[in-house]
Protein backbone atom coordinates (compact mmCIF):
# COMPACT_ATOMS: atom_id res chain seq x y z
CA MET A 1 0.05 -0.08 0.07
CA SER A 2 1.37 3.40 -1.12
CA MET A 3 1.36 5.82 1.76
CA PRO A 4 0.03 9.30 0.84
CA THR A 5 1.91 12.54 1.88
CA ILE A 6 0.25 13.98 4.81
CA VAL A 7 -0.29 17.95 5.15
CA LEU A 8 -0.72 19.32 8.43
CA LEU A 9 -2.24 22.85 8.61
CA HIS A 10 -2.20 24.65 11.75
CA GLY A 11 -5.04 27.11 13.37
CA TRP A 12 -5.47 30.81 14.16
CA GLY A 13 -2.70 32.21 16.61
CA PHE A 14 -0.26 29.35 16.13
CA ASP A 15 2.21 27.97 13.43
CA SER A 16 3.24 24.78 12.27
CA ARG A 17 5.12 24.08 15.49
CA ILE A 18 1.88 22.94 17.11
CA TRP A 19 2.26 19.70 15.36
CA SER A 20 5.31 18.56 17.03
CA ARG A 21 3.87 15.83 19.09
CA LEU A 22 1.86 14.53 16.33
CA GLN A 23 4.88 14.40 13.94
CA ALA A 24 6.82 12.28 16.77
CA VAL A 25 4.10 9.64 16.51
CA LEU A 26 4.03 9.72 12.49
CA THR A 27 7.78 9.01 11.97
CA ASN A 28 6.88 6.30 9.56
CA LYS A 29 4.83 8.53 7.15
CA HIS A 30 5.78 11.33 5.06
CA VAL A 31 4.46 14.47 6.64
CA ILE A 32 4.93 18.00 5.70
CA THR A 33 3.75 21.09 7.72
CA ILE A 34 2.35 24.18 6.07
CA ASP A 35 2.43 27.57 7.72
CA LEU A 36 -0.34 29.96 6.53
CA ALA A 37 0.25 33.22 5.13
CA GLY A 38 1.93 35.55 7.59
CA TYR A 39 2.69 32.82 10.04
CA GLY A 40 6.10 30.93 11.09
CA ASN A 41 8.34 30.53 8.09
CA GLN A 42 5.72 32.31 5.96
CA ALA A 43 5.97 35.43 7.65
CA ASN A 44 6.89 37.38 4.73
CA ASN A 45 4.32 35.82 2.46
CA GLN A 46 1.82 38.69 1.49
CA THR A 47 -1.07 36.54 0.36
CA ASP A 48 -4.37 38.59 0.81
CA TRP A 49 -6.38 37.07 3.70
CA GLN A 50 -9.40 36.27 1.45
CA LEU A 51 -10.66 32.88 1.04
CA GLY A 52 -9.81 32.57 -2.70
CA PRO A 53 -6.24 33.93 -2.59
CA LEU A 54 -5.55 31.67 0.54
CA VAL A 55 -6.86 28.57 -1.31
CA GLU A 56 -4.73 29.12 -4.35
CA ASP A 57 -1.73 29.69 -2.15
CA LEU A 58 -2.15 26.59 -0.16
CA ILE A 59 -2.63 24.67 -3.35
CA THR A 60 0.36 25.87 -5.05
CA ARG A 61 2.42 24.92 -1.82
CA THR A 62 1.02 21.51 -1.50
CA PRO A 63 1.49 18.21 -3.49
CA LYS A 64 -1.47 16.78 -5.36
CA ASN A 65 -3.30 13.61 -3.71
CA ALA A 66 -1.98 14.34 -0.31
CA MET A 67 -4.14 13.65 2.94
CA TRP A 68 -4.82 17.01 4.83
CA VAL A 69 -5.09 17.37 8.40
CA GLY A 70 -6.51 20.87 9.55
CA TRP A 71 -7.09 22.17 13.04
CA SER A 72 -9.58 24.83 13.78
CA LEU A 73 -9.19 27.66 11.28
CA GLY A 74 -6.74 25.33 9.35
CA GLY A 75 -9.51 22.84 9.18
CA LEU A 76 -11.93 25.26 7.65
CA LEU A 77 -9.39 26.26 5.08
CA ALA A 78 -8.88 22.42 4.25
CA LEU A 79 -12.39 22.01 3.76
CA SER A 80 -12.45 25.23 1.33
CA VAL A 81 -9.71 23.58 -0.63
CA ALA A 82 -11.49 20.18 -0.91
CA LEU A 83 -14.56 22.14 -2.07
CA HIS A 84 -12.91 24.12 -4.64
CA ARG A 85 -10.34 21.87 -5.78
CA PRO A 86 -11.72 18.38 -5.33
CA LEU A 87 -8.95 16.55 -7.04
CA HIS A 88 -6.09 18.11 -5.05
CA ILE A 89 -7.00 16.31 -1.75
CA LYS A 90 -7.00 12.59 -1.47
CA ALA A 91 -8.61 12.47 2.09
CA LEU A 92 -9.32 15.02 4.77
CA MET A 93 -9.39 15.19 8.63
CA THR A 94 -10.41 18.27 10.45
CA LEU A 95 -9.64 18.65 14.23
CA ALA A 96 -11.92 20.83 16.53
CA THR A 97 -13.18 22.50 13.38
CA THR A 98 -16.82 23.84 12.83
CA PRO A 99 -18.21 24.70 9.35
CA CYS A 100 -19.53 28.04 10.81
CA PHE A 101 -17.71 29.58 13.53
CA THR A 102 -20.32 32.40 14.39
CA GLN A 103 -23.89 32.07 15.12
CA ARG A 104 -26.48 32.08 12.55
CA PRO A 105 -30.21 31.68 12.69
CA GLY A 106 -30.71 28.02 13.40
CA TRP A 107 -27.20 27.76 14.32
CA ASP A 108 -26.70 28.55 17.95
CA ALA A 109 -23.79 26.17 18.75
CA ALA A 110 -21.21 28.69 17.91
CA MET A 111 -19.75 32.12 19.07
CA ASP A 112 -22.31 34.80 19.57
CA ALA A 113 -21.74 38.05 17.65
CA GLN A 114 -21.03 40.25 20.66
CA SER A 115 -18.45 37.88 22.03
CA PHE A 116 -16.74 37.55 18.64
CA THR A 117 -16.81 41.46 18.29
CA ASN A 118 -15.07 41.76 21.65
CA PHE A 119 -12.47 39.25 20.97
CA LYS A 120 -11.74 40.97 17.54
CA GLN A 121 -11.40 44.35 19.21
CA SER A 122 -9.08 42.89 21.88
CA CYS A 123 -6.80 41.54 19.08
CA GLN A 124 -6.70 44.93 17.43
CA SER A 125 -5.88 46.84 20.40
CA ASP A 126 -3.51 44.31 22.11
CA SER A 127 -2.83 41.34 20.02
CA ILE A 128 -0.05 39.86 22.34
CA SER A 129 -2.71 39.79 25.26
CA CYS A 130 -5.40 38.27 23.02
CA ILE A 131 -3.32 35.63 22.16
CA ASP A 132 -2.45 34.93 25.79
CA ASN A 133 -6.10 34.84 26.61
CA PHE A 134 -6.71 32.66 23.55
CA LYS A 135 -4.17 30.12 24.83
CA GLN A 136 -6.18 29.79 28.00
CA LEU A 137 -9.43 29.44 26.37
CA ILE A 138 -8.30 26.61 24.06
CA VAL A 139 -6.76 24.55 26.88
CA LEU A 140 -9.87 25.19 29.25
CA HIS A 141 -10.68 21.77 30.78
CA GLY A 142 -7.56 20.38 29.40
CA ASP A 143 -4.76 18.39 31.24
CA ARG A 144 -1.81 19.93 32.83
CA GLU A 145 0.77 19.06 30.17
CA THR A 146 -1.44 20.39 27.32
CA LYS A 147 -1.57 23.60 29.24
CA ARG A 148 2.24 23.79 29.63
CA ILE A 149 2.99 23.23 26.02
CA ILE A 150 0.47 25.74 24.83
CA ARG A 151 1.78 28.26 27.00
CA THR A 152 5.27 27.87 25.44
CA HIS A 153 4.07 28.54 22.14
CA ASP A 154 4.78 32.23 20.64
CA CYS A 155 3.18 33.80 17.58
CA ASN A 156 4.99 35.71 15.11
CA ALA A 157 2.08 36.85 13.00
CA GLU A 158 1.37 40.58 12.84
CA THR A 159 -2.00 42.03 13.77
CA PRO A 160 -3.36 42.24 10.26
CA THR A 161 -2.80 38.69 9.76
CA LEU A 162 -4.50 37.80 12.86
CA LEU A 163 -7.32 40.07 12.07
CA GLY A 164 -7.55 38.69 8.57
CA GLY A 165 -8.07 35.08 10.03
CA LEU A 166 -10.84 36.45 12.41
CA LYS A 167 -12.43 38.08 9.34
CA LEU A 168 -12.72 34.72 7.75
CA LEU A 169 -14.03 32.99 10.68
CA ALA A 170 -16.88 35.53 10.91
CA GLU A 171 -17.53 35.18 7.21
CA ILE A 172 -17.09 31.56 6.21
CA ASP A 173 -20.23 29.21 6.40
CA LEU A 174 -19.67 25.90 4.92
CA ARG A 175 -22.54 23.96 6.52
CA PHE A 176 -24.59 23.21 3.57
CA SER A 177 -21.40 22.52 1.52
CA LEU A 178 -19.96 19.72 3.48
CA ALA A 179 -21.98 17.09 1.78
CA SER A 180 -20.50 17.98 -1.55
CA ILE A 181 -16.99 17.10 -0.24
CA GLN A 182 -15.99 13.97 -2.35
CA CYS A 183 -12.91 12.71 -0.60
CA PRO A 184 -13.20 10.43 2.59
CA THR A 185 -13.42 12.60 5.66
CA THR A 186 -13.11 12.29 9.17
CA HIS A 187 -14.07 15.15 11.60
CA LEU A 188 -12.66 14.85 15.17
CA LEU A 189 -14.36 17.31 17.75
CA ALA A 190 -13.69 17.48 21.48
CA GLU A 191 -15.98 17.07 24.27
CA ASN A 192 -14.91 19.80 26.45
CA ASP A 193 -14.08 22.45 23.69
CA ALA A 194 -14.52 25.97 24.85
CA LEU A 195 -14.66 27.34 21.34
CA VAL A 196 -16.49 24.65 19.29
CA PRO A 197 -19.42 23.28 21.21
CA ALA A 198 -19.43 19.53 21.35
CA LYS A 199 -23.21 19.45 20.55
CA ILE A 200 -22.23 20.22 16.90
CA SER A 201 -21.31 16.72 16.42
CA GLN A 202 -24.84 15.73 15.60
CA SER A 203 -25.15 18.56 13.32
CA MET A 204 -21.99 17.51 11.47
CA SER A 205 -23.22 13.90 11.22
CA HIS A 206 -26.33 15.25 9.44
CA LEU A 207 -24.82 17.92 7.26
CA ALA A 208 -22.09 15.45 6.22
CA PRO A 209 -23.55 11.94 6.56
CA LYS A 210 -20.65 10.27 4.37
CA ALA A 211 -17.98 11.69 6.78
CA ASN A 212 -17.01 9.95 9.91
CA THR A 213 -17.75 12.32 12.82
CA LEU A 214 -16.12 11.35 16.35
CA LEU A 215 -16.31 13.17 19.49
CA ILE A 216 -13.25 12.68 21.72
CA ASP A 217 -14.04 12.43 25.56
CA ASN A 218 -12.28 14.83 28.05
CA ALA A 219 -10.61 16.60 25.36
CA SER A 220 -10.02 20.52 24.91
CA HIS A 221 -9.70 22.54 21.73
CA ALA A 222 -5.94 21.80 21.68
CA LEU A 223 -6.10 18.34 20.11
CA PRO A 224 -2.84 18.38 18.09
CA VAL A 225 -1.21 18.60 21.43
CA SER A 226 -3.49 16.53 23.60
CA HIS A 227 -4.43 13.66 21.52
CA PRO A 228 -1.71 12.91 18.87
CA ASP A 229 -2.26 9.07 19.28
CA VAL A 230 -5.92 9.11 18.61
CA ILE A 231 -5.21 11.37 15.62
CA ALA A 232 -2.65 8.95 14.30
CA GLN A 233 -5.09 5.94 14.76
CA GLN A 234 -7.72 7.72 12.92
CA LEU A 235 -5.36 8.80 10.15
CA ASP A 236 -4.53 5.10 9.77
CA ASN A 237 -8.02 4.32 9.39
CA LEU A 238 -8.44 6.99 6.99
CA ILE A 239 -5.53 5.70 4.87
CA HIS A 240 -7.14 2.41 4.46
CA ALA A 241 -10.44 4.07 3.44
CA THR A 242 -8.74 5.53 0.47
CA HIS A 243 -7.45 2.05 -0.63
């Protein structure tokens, strides 16, 4: 069985270093980590933080027929690539990702508009403090080691990059497109996620009936750090589903 390349795509406020624990358990696989425009080793990448340009930028920097793993905002972008270029992605896994981050009519399992506005304003006025608060939020109800690791991550993204990501989170709504994704897909959600409510797992199963949606017990939003073994096992299952 030929093993596909695995592309790892980080979330808002972090860069590809967030994957170090998962990479340590994927040593027998070909893995590449991708920094989003403005983050990590792509700090000088001036791609406009609009969905279309970001999707094209990611496609140009990744091999065809790879398996993608996206965390949070990275998962939302991976879903967008799978929808816009269905032949580019062989299989897809999202971690703690919601197809619609902010509340809409009939979609209350999401951040309310006022809380999101307050968060965006805090990022605009003091992005460093905002990131620190965000770190605390994503490990809420998490284990001590996960909290320690998340605390050590710094963010080199400038405020415009961070605000661009928040703008996308406010705008993107892929709820009614999920069923159109053609490649084998797994969605991993966290029971104690303070950002993506666990109750969306039932909605995800309904919106994407062909995908495999799993809820991880006693997990916070920081799945790449807290549950690398679970992710690796589900990746193996997904690899077998593509053959």
